Amino acid sequence: MRVKVTEYEKVYSFEMAPVTQLCGQNVQRKNYICESIRKYFSTYKYSEIKNKWRDNVLIDDQCVGRKYFSIISVRQTSDIMQMIKWSKQSLMMEYVKNLMQKFDWQMHLKSIAEEVEEMFQIVNEDITRLGDIELTYSMSEVWDMIQKSDVSATDETDLYDKSNYELVMILLNLIDKVLEYEPKKTIVMLENIDHMVDLREYIEVLKKTKMIARKYDIYFIFSTSLDGYAYCDEELCSGVSVFGNVDFQMPEFENICEFIRENYPCTKEISNERIQIGLSRIIQKIGQENYLYSIEENVVCKLINQSLLLYDKLSEEKLPEMAFLKA
């Protein structure tokens, strides 16, 4: 699915896969793309004057309409909290309402109402002595009591004590369950997730989203900029787009492997696994000018790191590769 986002005369595009990774050093462009998608598929109201946001998102060159996708957007931890905590507009409230349809909750509410009615009768025995008055309530007020519940950790700690990774996984589980009851075309955006979870956790989040995407008509969009935060296996590679001085769309994994092997500056057997690991380390530099560090910069970095008891060294020098880098 090809997505095009316009900024007046400029056009930015990427391939939106079930799991999409927007990478590269052009953070401003990625932010603009995400903001455009969020505004377009939400209740955002455009001003009547000419602006760059109005109808600036196209799907496969078509203006699909603002209700084509339901949008779930995460820019910071507080956004996740709003969806998990108990409120009228939260995903948690939507999920609990669906849960209550699974069992005869009216019967339970009736039992609660009978208990409340008995309590009111006892109270009113004294209140009626004041005159021809009494306390009353309605069944809707019983539901109001339920709505005043709260969500906390099972060990009674505050949700804010949980790590970002735990909150992201809770959100993904919640999205999974909500769509189980009410499937709908959905985009879930998690911006700058590399600033929320560590690299190992990011891989686990991707695995979780792949599982969810296989079940529903849902598209996950992640934006990252830090080295290593890009996963390029056979399933995810074509969903990686890199925004730099020049934008680049990753092809299918087998195609990029073939390109690397055919154009490598010397004869060398490189496994798919080695290519996958290498791509994850260099993807954020693709399309970027002045991306190679000088010898002096590497030496200075090593000197400082050694003072911190961090030791690293280049593997055995490969002359053909070094000659290619100097060319």
C-alpha atoms as a PDB file:
ATOM      1  CA  MET A   1       0.000   0.000   0.000  1.00  0.00           C
ATOM      2  CA  ARG A   2       1.675   3.202  -1.179  1.00  0.00           C
ATOM      3  CA  VAL A   3       1.191   6.278   0.990  1.00  0.00           C
ATOM      4  CA  LYS A   4       1.908   9.754  -0.342  1.00  0.00           C
ATOM      5  CA  VAL A   5       2.043  12.806   1.890  1.00  0.00           C
ATOM      6  CA  THR A   6       2.201  16.259   0.354  1.00  0.00           C
ATOM      7  CA  GLU A   7       3.613  19.492   1.754  1.00  0.00           C
ATOM      8  CA  TYR A   8       2.357  21.985  -0.815  1.00  0.00           C
ATOM      9  CA  GLU A   9       4.433  21.060  -3.914  1.00  0.00           C
ATOM     10  CA  LYS A  10       6.639  18.527  -2.110  1.00  0.00           C
ATOM     11  CA  VAL A  11       5.666  14.857  -2.050  1.00  0.00           C
ATOM     12  CA  TYR A  12       6.958  12.238   0.414  1.00  0.00           C
ATOM     13  CA  SER A  13       6.048   8.602  -0.058  1.00  0.00           C
ATOM     14  CA  PHE A  14       6.590   5.235   1.575  1.00  0.00           C
ATOM     15  CA  GLU A  15       5.316   1.676   1.385  1.00  0.00           C
ATOM     16  CA  MET A  16       2.908   1.031   4.240  1.00  0.00           C
ATOM     17  CA  ALA A  17       3.186  -2.631   5.201  1.00  0.00           C
ATOM     18  CA  PRO A  18       1.423  -4.339   8.118  1.00  0.00           C
ATOM     19  CA  VAL A  19       4.540  -3.401  10.122  1.00  0.00           C
ATOM     20  CA  THR A  20       6.218  -0.243   8.807  1.00  0.00           C
ATOM     21  CA  GLN A  21       9.475   1.259  10.057  1.00  0.00           C
ATOM     22  CA  LEU A  22      10.222   4.892   9.164  1.00  0.00           C
ATOM     23  CA  CYS A  23      13.972   5.309   9.661  1.00  0.00           C
ATOM     24  CA  GLY A  24      16.716   7.798   8.798  1.00  0.00           C
ATOM     25  CA  GLN A  25      18.174  11.058  10.040  1.00  0.00           C
ATOM     26  CA  ASN A  26      15.569  13.388   8.525  1.00  0.00           C
ATOM     27  CA  VAL A  27      13.523  13.573  11.717  1.00  0.00           C
ATOM     28  CA  GLN A  28      11.569  16.642  10.598  1.00  0.00           C
ATOM     29  CA  ARG A  29      10.262  14.847   7.519  1.00  0.00           C
ATOM     30  CA  LYS A  30       9.237  11.766   9.493  1.00  0.00           C
ATOM     31  CA  ASN A  31       7.494  13.935  12.077  1.00  0.00           C
ATOM     32  CA  TYR A  32       5.605  15.742   9.312  1.00  0.00           C
ATOM     33  CA  ILE A  33       4.503  12.446   7.745  1.00  0.00           C
ATOM     34  CA  CYS A  34       3.242  11.099  11.074  1.00  0.00           C
ATOM     35  CA  GLU A  35       1.508  14.374  11.954  1.00  0.00           C
ATOM     36  CA  SER A  36      -0.204  14.415   8.547  1.00  0.00           C
ATOM     37  CA  ILE A  37      -1.509  10.865   8.962  1.00  0.00           C
ATOM     38  CA  ARG A  38      -2.670  11.610  12.520  1.00  0.00           C
ATOM     39  CA  LYS A  39      -4.521  14.772  11.491  1.00  0.00           C
ATOM     40  CA  TYR A  40      -6.090  13.229   8.391  1.00  0.00           C
ATOM     41  CA  PHE A  41      -7.545  10.104  10.011  1.00  0.00           C
ATOM     42  CA  SER A  42      -8.630  11.787  13.259  1.00  0.00           C
ATOM     43  CA  THR A  43     -11.223  14.385  14.266  1.00  0.00           C
ATOM     44  CA  TYR A  44      -8.762  17.233  13.649  1.00  0.00           C
ATOM     45  CA  LYS A  45     -10.566  20.243  12.163  1.00  0.00           C
ATOM     46  CA  TYR A  46      -8.825  22.015   9.303  1.00  0.00           C
ATOM     47  CA  SER A  47      -9.031  25.786   9.012  1.00  0.00           C
ATOM     48  CA  GLU A  48     -10.847  27.207   6.029  1.00  0.00           C
ATOM     49  CA  ILE A  49      -7.792  29.099   4.812  1.00  0.00           C
ATOM     50  CA  LYS A  50      -5.262  27.387   2.554  1.00  0.00           C
ATOM     51  CA  ASN A  51      -3.039  25.069   4.579  1.00  0.00           C
ATOM     52  CA  LYS A  52      -0.639  22.212   3.934  1.00  0.00           C
ATOM     53  CA  TRP A  53      -2.633  19.699   5.987  1.00  0.00           C
ATOM     54  CA  ARG A  54      -5.907  19.629   4.071  1.00  0.00           C
ATOM     55  CA  ASP A  55      -6.341  16.375   2.076  1.00  0.00           C
ATOM     56  CA  ASN A  56      -2.564  15.878   1.960  1.00  0.00           C
ATOM     57  CA  VAL A  57      -2.600  12.083   2.472  1.00  0.00           C
ATOM     58  CA  LEU A  58      -3.170   9.729  -0.458  1.00  0.00           C
ATOM     59  CA  ILE A  59      -3.431   5.927  -0.369  1.00  0.00           C
ATOM     60  CA  ASP A  60      -2.385   4.322  -3.676  1.00  0.00           C
ATOM     61  CA  ASP A  61      -2.885   7.758  -5.322  1.00  0.00           C
ATOM     62  CA  GLN A  62      -6.477   7.914  -4.054  1.00  0.00           C
ATOM     63  CA  CYS A  63      -8.084  10.321  -1.580  1.00  0.00           C
ATOM     64  CA  VAL A  64      -9.741   7.581   0.480  1.00  0.00           C
ATOM     65  CA  GLY A  65     -11.551   9.802   2.967  1.00  0.00           C
ATOM     66  CA  ARG A  66     -10.844  10.575   6.603  1.00  0.00           C
ATOM     67  CA  LYS A  67     -12.856   7.640   7.981  1.00  0.00           C
ATOM     68  CA  TYR A  68     -11.018   5.024   5.917  1.00  0.00           C
ATOM     69  CA  PHE A  69      -8.785   4.183   8.886  1.00  0.00           C
ATOM     70  CA  SER A  70      -9.258   4.400  12.621  1.00  0.00           C
ATOM     71  CA  ILE A  71      -6.109   5.970  14.099  1.00  0.00           C
ATOM     72  CA  ILE A  72      -4.303   5.178  17.361  1.00  0.00           C
ATOM     73  CA  SER A  73      -1.356   7.511  17.903  1.00  0.00           C
ATOM     74  CA  VAL A  74       1.406   7.367  20.525  1.00  0.00           C
ATOM     75  CA  ARG A  75       3.959  10.166  20.777  1.00  0.00           C
ATOM     76  CA  GLN A  76       4.883   9.793  24.436  1.00  0.00           C
ATOM     77  CA  THR A  77       4.191   7.634  27.475  1.00  0.00           C
ATOM     78  CA  SER A  78       1.269   9.810  28.595  1.00  0.00           C
ATOM     79  CA  ASP A  79      -0.591   8.880  25.389  1.00  0.00           C
ATOM     80  CA  ILE A  80      -0.393   5.205  26.349  1.00  0.00           C
ATOM     81  CA  MET A  81      -1.606   5.996  29.868  1.00  0.00           C
ATOM     82  CA  GLN A  82      -4.669   7.786  28.493  1.00  0.00           C
ATOM     83  CA  MET A  83      -5.620   4.687  26.503  1.00  0.00           C
ATOM     84  CA  ILE A  84      -5.023   2.236  29.344  1.00  0.00           C
ATOM     85  CA  LYS A  85      -6.514   4.209  32.236  1.00  0.00           C
ATOM     86  CA  TRP A  86     -10.230   4.283  32.971  1.00  0.00           C
ATOM     87  CA  SER A  87     -12.017   7.088  31.130  1.00  0.00           C
ATOM     88  CA  LYS A  88     -15.001   7.482  28.838  1.00  0.00           C
ATOM     89  CA  GLN A  89     -12.845   7.746  25.698  1.00  0.00           C
ATOM     90  CA  SER A  90     -10.161   5.176  26.555  1.00  0.00           C
ATOM     91  CA  LEU A  91      -9.524   1.862  24.824  1.00  0.00           C
ATOM     92  CA  MET A  92      -9.870   0.200  28.209  1.00  0.00           C
ATOM     93  CA  MET A  93     -13.454   1.439  28.569  1.00  0.00           C
ATOM     94  CA  GLU A  94     -14.235   0.178  25.068  1.00  0.00           C
ATOM     95  CA  TYR A  95     -12.775  -3.222  25.930  1.00  0.00           C
ATOM     96  CA  VAL A  96     -14.660  -3.551  29.228  1.00  0.00           C
ATOM     97  CA  LYS A  97     -17.958  -2.676  27.529  1.00  0.00           C
ATOM     98  CA  ASN A  98     -17.313  -5.526  25.100  1.00  0.00           C
ATOM     99  CA  LEU A  99     -16.417  -7.855  27.965  1.00  0.00           C
ATOM    100  CA  MET A 100     -19.692  -7.072  29.698  1.00  0.00           C
ATOM    101  CA  GLN A 101     -21.568  -8.335  26.655  1.00  0.00           C
ATOM    102  CA  LYS A 102     -19.987 -11.781  27.182  1.00  0.00           C
ATOM    103  CA  PHE A 103     -21.862 -12.506  30.383  1.00  0.00           C
ATOM    104  CA  ASP A 104     -25.236 -11.597  31.860  1.00  0.00           C
ATOM    105  CA  TRP A 105     -24.050  -8.383  33.448  1.00  0.00           C
ATOM    106  CA  GLN A 106     -27.643  -7.155  33.761  1.00  0.00           C
ATOM    107  CA  MET A 107     -28.204  -9.911  36.320  1.00  0.00           C
ATOM    108  CA  HIS A 108     -25.193  -8.745  38.319  1.00  0.00           C
ATOM    109  CA  LEU A 109     -26.308  -5.132  38.125  1.00  0.00           C
ATOM    110  CA  LYS A 110     -29.763  -6.197  39.314  1.00  0.00           C
ATOM    111  CA  SER A 111     -28.199  -7.872  42.377  1.00  0.00           C
ATOM    112  CA  ILE A 112     -26.212  -4.716  43.090  1.00  0.00           C
ATOM    113  CA  ALA A 113     -29.346  -2.608  42.659  1.00  0.00           C
ATOM    114  CA  GLU A 114     -31.272  -4.770  45.125  1.00  0.00           C
ATOM    115  CA  GLU A 115     -28.537  -4.350  47.723  1.00  0.00           C
ATOM    116  CA  VAL A 116     -28.456  -0.589  47.145  1.00  0.00           C
ATOM    117  CA  GLU A 117     -32.276  -0.427  47.354  1.00  0.00           C
ATOM    118  CA  GLU A 118     -32.231  -2.206  50.733  1.00  0.00           C
ATOM    119  CA  MET A 119     -29.619   0.261  51.971  1.00  0.00           C
ATOM    120  CA  PHE A 120     -31.777   3.194  50.847  1.00  0.00           C
ATOM    121  CA  GLN A 121     -34.847   1.734  52.569  1.00  0.00           C
ATOM    122  CA  ILE A 122     -32.971   1.597  55.856  1.00  0.00           C
ATOM    123  CA  VAL A 123     -31.774   5.189  55.454  1.00  0.00           C
ATOM    124  CA  ASN A 124     -35.210   6.419  54.369  1.00  0.00           C
ATOM    125  CA  GLU A 125     -36.844   5.009  57.520  1.00  0.00           C
ATOM    126  CA  ASP A 126     -35.181   7.904  59.358  1.00  0.00           C
ATOM    127  CA  ILE A 127     -35.378  10.493  56.580  1.00  0.00           C
ATOM    128  CA  THR A 128     -39.177  10.163  56.175  1.00  0.00           C
ATOM    129  CA  ARG A 129     -39.547  11.203  59.804  1.00  0.00           C
ATOM    130  CA  LEU A 130     -38.370  14.646  58.733  1.00  0.00           C
ATOM    131  CA  GLY A 131     -41.372  14.968  56.455  1.00  0.00           C
ATOM    132  CA  ASP A 132     -42.778  13.576  53.205  1.00  0.00           C
ATOM    133  CA  ILE A 133     -39.337  13.140  51.601  1.00  0.00           C
ATOM    134  CA  GLU A 134     -36.885  10.307  50.785  1.00  0.00           C
ATOM    135  CA  LEU A 135     -33.616   9.562  48.980  1.00  0.00           C
ATOM    136  CA  THR A 136     -33.880   8.027  45.485  1.00  0.00           C
ATOM    137  CA  TYR A 137     -31.503   6.637  42.879  1.00  0.00           C
ATOM    138  CA  SER A 138     -31.676   5.060  39.399  1.00  0.00           C
ATOM    139  CA  MET A 139     -30.078   2.013  37.751  1.00  0.00           C
ATOM    140  CA  SER A 140     -27.974   4.333  35.592  1.00  0.00           C
ATOM    141  CA  GLU A 141     -26.246   5.473  38.758  1.00  0.00           C
ATOM    142  CA  VAL A 142     -25.086   1.896  39.364  1.00  0.00           C
ATOM    143  CA  TRP A 143     -23.310   1.987  35.967  1.00  0.00           C
ATOM    144  CA  ASP A 144     -21.879   5.351  36.989  1.00  0.00           C
ATOM    145  CA  MET A 145     -20.265   3.599  39.959  1.00  0.00           C
ATOM    146  CA  ILE A 146     -18.596   1.143  37.597  1.00  0.00           C
ATOM    147  CA  GLN A 147     -17.397   4.026  35.424  1.00  0.00           C
ATOM    148  CA  LYS A 148     -15.676   5.527  38.452  1.00  0.00           C
ATOM    149  CA  SER A 149     -13.406   2.493  38.697  1.00  0.00           C
ATOM    150  CA  ASP A 150      -9.674   2.812  38.146  1.00  0.00           C
ATOM    151  CA  VAL A 151      -6.935   0.739  36.572  1.00  0.00           C
ATOM    152  CA  SER A 152      -3.911  -0.184  38.662  1.00  0.00           C
ATOM    153  CA  ALA A 153      -1.167  -2.787  38.586  1.00  0.00           C
ATOM    154  CA  THR A 154      -2.070  -6.197  40.020  1.00  0.00           C
ATOM    155  CA  ASP A 155       0.347  -5.586  42.917  1.00  0.00           C
ATOM    156  CA  GLU A 156      -1.606  -2.369  43.681  1.00  0.00           C
ATOM    157  CA  THR A 157       1.243  -0.163  42.502  1.00  0.00           C
ATOM    158  CA  ASP A 158       0.632   2.818  40.259  1.00  0.00           C
ATOM    159  CA  LEU A 159       0.646   2.374  36.489  1.00  0.00           C
ATOM    160  CA  TYR A 160       3.256   5.118  36.318  1.00  0.00           C
ATOM    161  CA  ASP A 161       5.678   2.740  38.055  1.00  0.00           C
ATOM    162  CA  LYS A 162       5.654   0.432  35.049  1.00  0.00           C
ATOM    163  CA  SER A 163       8.369   0.657  32.405  1.00  0.00           C
ATOM    164  CA  ASN A 164       7.652   2.044  28.948  1.00  0.00           C
ATOM    165  CA  TYR A 165       8.100  -1.436  27.524  1.00  0.00           C
ATOM    166  CA  GLU A 166       5.477  -2.901  29.874  1.00  0.00           C
ATOM    167  CA  LEU A 167       3.033  -0.133  28.978  1.00  0.00           C
ATOM    168  CA  VAL A 168       3.599  -0.593  25.237  1.00  0.00           C
ATOM    169  CA  MET A 169       2.972  -4.333  25.528  1.00  0.00           C
ATOM    170  CA  ILE A 170      -0.199  -3.743  27.590  1.00  0.00           C
ATOM    171  CA  LEU A 171      -1.404  -1.331  24.905  1.00  0.00           C
ATOM    172  CA  LEU A 172      -0.713  -3.849  22.131  1.00  0.00           C
ATOM    173  CA  ASN A 173      -2.575  -6.563  24.042  1.00  0.00           C
ATOM    174  CA  LEU A 174      -5.460  -4.154  24.549  1.00  0.00           C
ATOM    175  CA  ILE A 175      -5.583  -3.271  20.837  1.00  0.00           C
ATOM    176  CA  ASP A 176      -5.552  -6.982  20.012  1.00  0.00           C
ATOM    177  CA  LYS A 177      -8.560  -7.644  22.272  1.00  0.00           C
ATOM    178  CA  VAL A 178     -10.547  -4.598  21.136  1.00  0.00           C
ATOM    179  CA  LEU A 179     -10.162  -5.629  17.488  1.00  0.00           C
ATOM    180  CA  GLU A 180     -11.206  -9.166  18.381  1.00  0.00           C
ATOM    181  CA  TYR A 181     -14.632  -7.793  19.328  1.00  0.00           C
ATOM    182  CA  GLU A 182     -14.864  -5.067  16.713  1.00  0.00           C
ATOM    183  CA  PRO A 183     -12.490  -5.534  13.748  1.00  0.00           C
ATOM    184  CA  LYS A 184     -11.858  -2.348  11.743  1.00  0.00           C
ATOM    185  CA  LYS A 185      -9.203  -0.904   9.473  1.00  0.00           C
ATOM    186  CA  THR A 186      -6.705   0.632  11.877  1.00  0.00           C
ATOM    187  CA  ILE A 187      -3.391   2.464  11.859  1.00  0.00           C
ATOM    188  CA  VAL A 188      -1.323   2.374  15.051  1.00  0.00           C
ATOM    189  CA  MET A 189       1.558   4.886  15.125  1.00  0.00           C
ATOM    190  CA  LEU A 190       4.325   4.769  17.725  1.00  0.00           C
ATOM    191  CA  GLU A 191       6.628   7.708  17.064  1.00  0.00           C
ATOM    192  CA  ASN A 192      10.237   7.816  18.208  1.00  0.00           C
ATOM    193  CA  ILE A 193       9.841   4.468  19.950  1.00  0.00           C
ATOM    194  CA  ASP A 194      13.644   4.241  20.083  1.00  0.00           C
ATOM    195  CA  HIS A 195      13.428   6.880  22.839  1.00  0.00           C
ATOM    196  CA  MET A 196      10.959   4.748  24.816  1.00  0.00           C
ATOM    197  CA  VAL A 197      12.338   1.198  24.807  1.00  0.00           C
ATOM    198  CA  ASP A 198      15.763  -0.385  24.518  1.00  0.00           C
ATOM    199  CA  LEU A 199      16.868  -2.330  21.454  1.00  0.00           C
ATOM    200  CA  ARG A 200      16.025  -5.773  22.814  1.00  0.00           C
ATOM    201  CA  GLU A 201      12.564  -4.557  23.832  1.00  0.00           C
ATOM    202  CA  TYR A 202      12.038  -2.995  20.408  1.00  0.00           C
ATOM    203  CA  ILE A 203      12.561  -6.384  18.750  1.00  0.00           C
ATOM    204  CA  GLU A 204       9.981  -7.929  21.100  1.00  0.00           C
ATOM    205  CA  VAL A 205       7.503  -5.156  20.271  1.00  0.00           C
ATOM    206  CA  LEU A 206       7.983  -5.842  16.551  1.00  0.00           C
ATOM    207  CA  LYS A 207       7.365  -9.551  17.091  1.00  0.00           C
ATOM    208  CA  LYS A 208       4.139  -8.753  18.936  1.00  0.00           C
ATOM    209  CA  THR A 209       2.895  -6.405  16.210  1.00  0.00           C
ATOM    210  CA  LYS A 210       3.645  -9.006  13.523  1.00  0.00           C
ATOM    211  CA  MET A 211       1.410 -11.470  15.355  1.00  0.00           C
ATOM    212  CA  ILE A 212      -1.430  -8.942  15.630  1.00  0.00           C
ATOM    213  CA  ALA A 213      -1.068  -7.825  12.008  1.00  0.00           C
ATOM    214  CA  ARG A 214      -1.562 -11.392  10.800  1.00  0.00           C
ATOM    215  CA  LYS A 215      -5.022 -11.459  12.406  1.00  0.00           C
ATOM    216  CA  TYR A 216      -6.543  -8.076  11.534  1.00  0.00           C
ATOM    217  CA  ASP A 217      -6.639  -5.353   8.906  1.00  0.00           C
ATOM    218  CA  ILE A 218      -4.178  -3.249  10.896  1.00  0.00           C
ATOM    219  CA  TYR A 219      -1.037  -1.295  10.069  1.00  0.00           C
ATOM    220  CA  PHE A 220       1.656  -0.435  12.604  1.00  0.00           C
ATOM    221  CA  ILE A 221       3.963   2.520  11.901  1.00  0.00           C
ATOM    222  CA  PHE A 222       7.141   2.996  13.954  1.00  0.00           C
ATOM    223  CA  SER A 223       9.525   5.926  13.576  1.00  0.00           C
ATOM    224  CA  THR A 224      13.136   5.583  14.726  1.00  0.00           C
ATOM    225  CA  SER A 225      16.446   7.403  14.278  1.00  0.00           C
ATOM    226  CA  LEU A 226      18.941   5.689  16.588  1.00  0.00           C
ATOM    227  CA  ASP A 227      21.447   3.163  15.230  1.00  0.00           C
ATOM    228  CA  GLY A 228      20.260  -0.422  15.442  1.00  0.00           C
ATOM    229  CA  TYR A 229      16.545   0.397  15.649  1.00  0.00           C
ATOM    230  CA  ALA A 230      15.587  -1.219  12.366  1.00  0.00           C
ATOM    231  CA  TYR A 231      14.756  -4.867  11.859  1.00  0.00           C
ATOM    232  CA  CYS A 232      15.119  -6.280   8.354  1.00  0.00           C
ATOM    233  CA  ASP A 233      14.073  -9.897   8.230  1.00  0.00           C
ATOM    234  CA  GLU A 234      12.309 -11.415   5.228  1.00  0.00           C
ATOM    235  CA  GLU A 235       8.899 -10.342   6.517  1.00  0.00           C
ATOM    236  CA  LEU A 236       9.679  -6.752   7.538  1.00  0.00           C
ATOM    237  CA  CYS A 237      12.346  -5.585   5.074  1.00  0.00           C
ATOM    238  CA  SER A 238      10.010  -4.161   2.417  1.00  0.00           C
ATOM    239  CA  GLY A 239       8.233  -2.154   5.126  1.00  0.00           C
ATOM    240  CA  VAL A 240      11.376  -0.142   5.945  1.00  0.00           C
ATOM    241  CA  SER A 241      11.607   3.391   4.524  1.00  0.00           C
ATOM    242  CA  VAL A 242      14.609   5.633   5.123  1.00  0.00           C
ATOM    243  CA  PHE A 243      14.369   9.434   5.074  1.00  0.00           C
ATOM    244  CA  GLY A 244      17.649  11.337   4.763  1.00  0.00           C
ATOM    245  CA  ASN A 245      19.067  13.854   2.308  1.00  0.00           C
ATOM    246  CA  VAL A 246      17.657  11.373  -0.219  1.00  0.00           C
ATOM    247  CA  ASP A 247      14.785   9.019   0.616  1.00  0.00           C
ATOM    248  CA  PHE A 248      15.086   5.267   0.081  1.00  0.00           C
ATOM    249  CA  GLN A 249      12.541   2.458   0.102  1.00  0.00           C
ATOM    250  CA  MET A 250      13.952  -0.933   1.068  1.00  0.00           C
ATOM    251  CA  PRO A 251      13.152  -3.695  -1.448  1.00  0.00           C
ATOM    252  CA  GLU A 252      12.308  -7.291  -0.613  1.00  0.00           C
ATOM    253  CA  PHE A 253      14.976  -8.914   1.569  1.00  0.00           C
ATOM    254  CA  GLU A 254      16.104 -11.374  -1.099  1.00  0.00           C
ATOM    255  CA  ASN A 255      16.549  -8.496  -3.574  1.00  0.00           C
ATOM    256  CA  ILE A 256      18.756  -6.429  -1.248  1.00  0.00           C
ATOM    257  CA  CYS A 257      20.826  -9.555  -0.478  1.00  0.00           C
ATOM    258  CA  GLU A 258      21.290 -10.172  -4.190  1.00  0.00           C
ATOM    259  CA  PHE A 259      22.265  -6.531  -4.774  1.00  0.00           C
ATOM    260  CA  ILE A 260      24.886  -6.625  -1.996  1.00  0.00           C
ATOM    261  CA  ARG A 261      26.437  -9.891  -3.151  1.00  0.00           C
ATOM    262  CA  GLU A 262      26.580  -8.843  -6.807  1.00  0.00           C
ATOM    263  CA  ASN A 263      28.109  -5.430  -6.108  1.00  0.00           C
ATOM    264  CA  TYR A 264      30.410  -6.199  -3.181  1.00  0.00           C
ATOM    265  CA  PRO A 265      33.934  -4.953  -4.032  1.00  0.00           C
ATOM    266  CA  CYS A 266      35.464  -8.413  -3.636  1.00  0.00           C
ATOM    267  CA  THR A 267      34.403 -12.050  -3.798  1.00  0.00           C
ATOM    268  CA  LYS A 268      32.957 -12.940  -0.441  1.00  0.00           C
ATOM    269  CA  GLU A 269      30.344 -15.280   0.963  1.00  0.00           C
ATOM    270  CA  ILE A 270      27.930 -13.252   3.083  1.00  0.00           C
ATOM    271  CA  SER A 271      25.093 -15.066   4.827  1.00  0.00           C
ATOM    272  CA  ASN A 272      21.564 -13.695   4.977  1.00  0.00           C
ATOM    273  CA  GLU A 273      21.903 -13.435   8.744  1.00  0.00           C
ATOM    274  CA  ARG A 274      25.099 -11.350   8.406  1.00  0.00           C
ATOM    275  CA  ILE A 275      23.376  -9.038   5.919  1.00  0.00           C
ATOM    276  CA  GLN A 276      20.363  -8.667   8.200  1.00  0.00           C
ATOM    277  CA  ILE A 277      22.544  -7.705  11.169  1.00  0.00           C
ATOM    278  CA  GLY A 278      24.596  -5.323   9.039  1.00  0.00           C
ATOM    279  CA  LEU A 279      21.526  -3.604   7.640  1.00  0.00           C
ATOM    280  CA  SER A 280      20.129  -2.978  11.117  1.00  0.00           C
ATOM    281  CA  ARG A 281      23.369  -1.190  12.048  1.00  0.00           C
ATOM    282  CA  ILE A 282      23.628   1.048   8.973  1.00  0.00           C
ATOM    283  CA  ILE A 283      20.028   1.707   7.900  1.00  0.00           C
ATOM    284  CA  GLN A 284      19.810   5.043   9.731  1.00  0.00           C
ATOM    285  CA  LYS A 285      22.743   6.289   7.597  1.00  0.00           C
ATOM    286  CA  ILE A 286      21.241   5.367   4.214  1.00  0.00           C
ATOM    287  CA  GLY A 287      20.474   8.403   2.057  1.00  0.00           C
ATOM    288  CA  GLN A 288      22.611  10.601   4.301  1.00  0.00           C
ATOM    289  CA  GLU A 289      25.564  12.697   3.160  1.00  0.00           C
ATOM    290  CA  ASN A 290      28.855  12.659   5.106  1.00  0.00           C
ATOM    291  CA  TYR A 291      27.882   9.435   6.857  1.00  0.00           C
ATOM    292  CA  LEU A 292      31.400   7.935   7.089  1.00  0.00           C
ATOM    293  CA  TYR A 293      33.529   8.785  10.116  1.00  0.00           C
ATOM    294  CA  SER A 294      37.096   9.908   9.530  1.00  0.00           C
ATOM    295  CA  ILE A 295      40.062   7.975  10.934  1.00  0.00           C
ATOM    296  CA  GLU A 296      40.706  10.821  13.414  1.00  0.00           C
ATOM    297  CA  GLU A 297      37.109  10.778  14.673  1.00  0.00           C
ATOM    298  CA  ASN A 298      37.229   7.030  15.260  1.00  0.00           C
ATOM    299  CA  VAL A 299      40.563   7.365  17.076  1.00  0.00           C
ATOM    300  CA  VAL A 300      39.223  10.126  19.355  1.00  0.00           C
ATOM    301  CA  CYS A 301      36.117   8.084  20.133  1.00  0.00           C
ATOM    302  CA  LYS A 302      38.226   5.024  20.970  1.00  0.00           C
ATOM    303  CA  LEU A 303      40.525   7.077  23.226  1.00  0.00           C
ATOM    304  CA  ILE A 304      37.586   8.423  25.225  1.00  0.00           C
ATOM    305  CA  ASN A 305      35.893   5.016  25.437  1.00  0.00           C
ATOM    306  CA  GLN A 306      39.105   3.378  26.651  1.00  0.00           C
ATOM    307  CA  SER A 307      39.197   5.896  29.494  1.00  0.00           C
ATOM    308  CA  LEU A 308      35.730   4.559  30.389  1.00  0.00           C
ATOM    309  CA  LEU A 309      37.041   0.976  30.230  1.00  0.00           C
ATOM    310  CA  LEU A 310      35.164   0.311  26.987  1.00  0.00           C
ATOM    311  CA  TYR A 311      37.277  -1.506  24.435  1.00  0.00           C
ATOM    312  CA  ASP A 312      36.464  -2.093  20.792  1.00  0.00           C
ATOM    313  CA  LYS A 313      38.525  -2.702  17.703  1.00  0.00           C
ATOM    314  CA  LEU A 314      38.081  -3.134  13.996  1.00  0.00           C
ATOM    315  CA  SER A 315      38.148  -6.635  12.623  1.00  0.00           C
ATOM    316  CA  GLU A 316      41.139  -7.634  10.502  1.00  0.00           C
ATOM    317  CA  GLU A 317      41.600  -4.981   7.846  1.00  0.00           C
ATOM    318  CA  LYS A 318      40.176  -5.951   4.476  1.00  0.00           C
ATOM    319  CA  LEU A 319      42.138  -4.153   1.781  1.00  0.00           C
ATOM    320  CA  PRO A 320      39.567  -4.379  -1.058  1.00  0.00           C
ATOM    321  CA  GLU A 321      36.813  -3.010   1.215  1.00  0.00           C
ATOM    322  CA  MET A 322      39.116  -0.225   2.498  1.00  0.00           C
ATOM    323  CA  ALA A 323      40.033   0.693  -1.070  1.00  0.00           C
ATOM    324  CA  PHE A 324      36.317   0.858  -1.972  1.00  0.00           C
ATOM    325  CA  LEU A 325      35.594   3.167   0.983  1.00  0.00           C
ATOM    326  CA  LYS A 326      38.421   5.490  -0.047  1.00  0.00           C
ATOM    327  CA  ALA A 327      37.294   5.668  -3.707  1.00  0.00           C
END
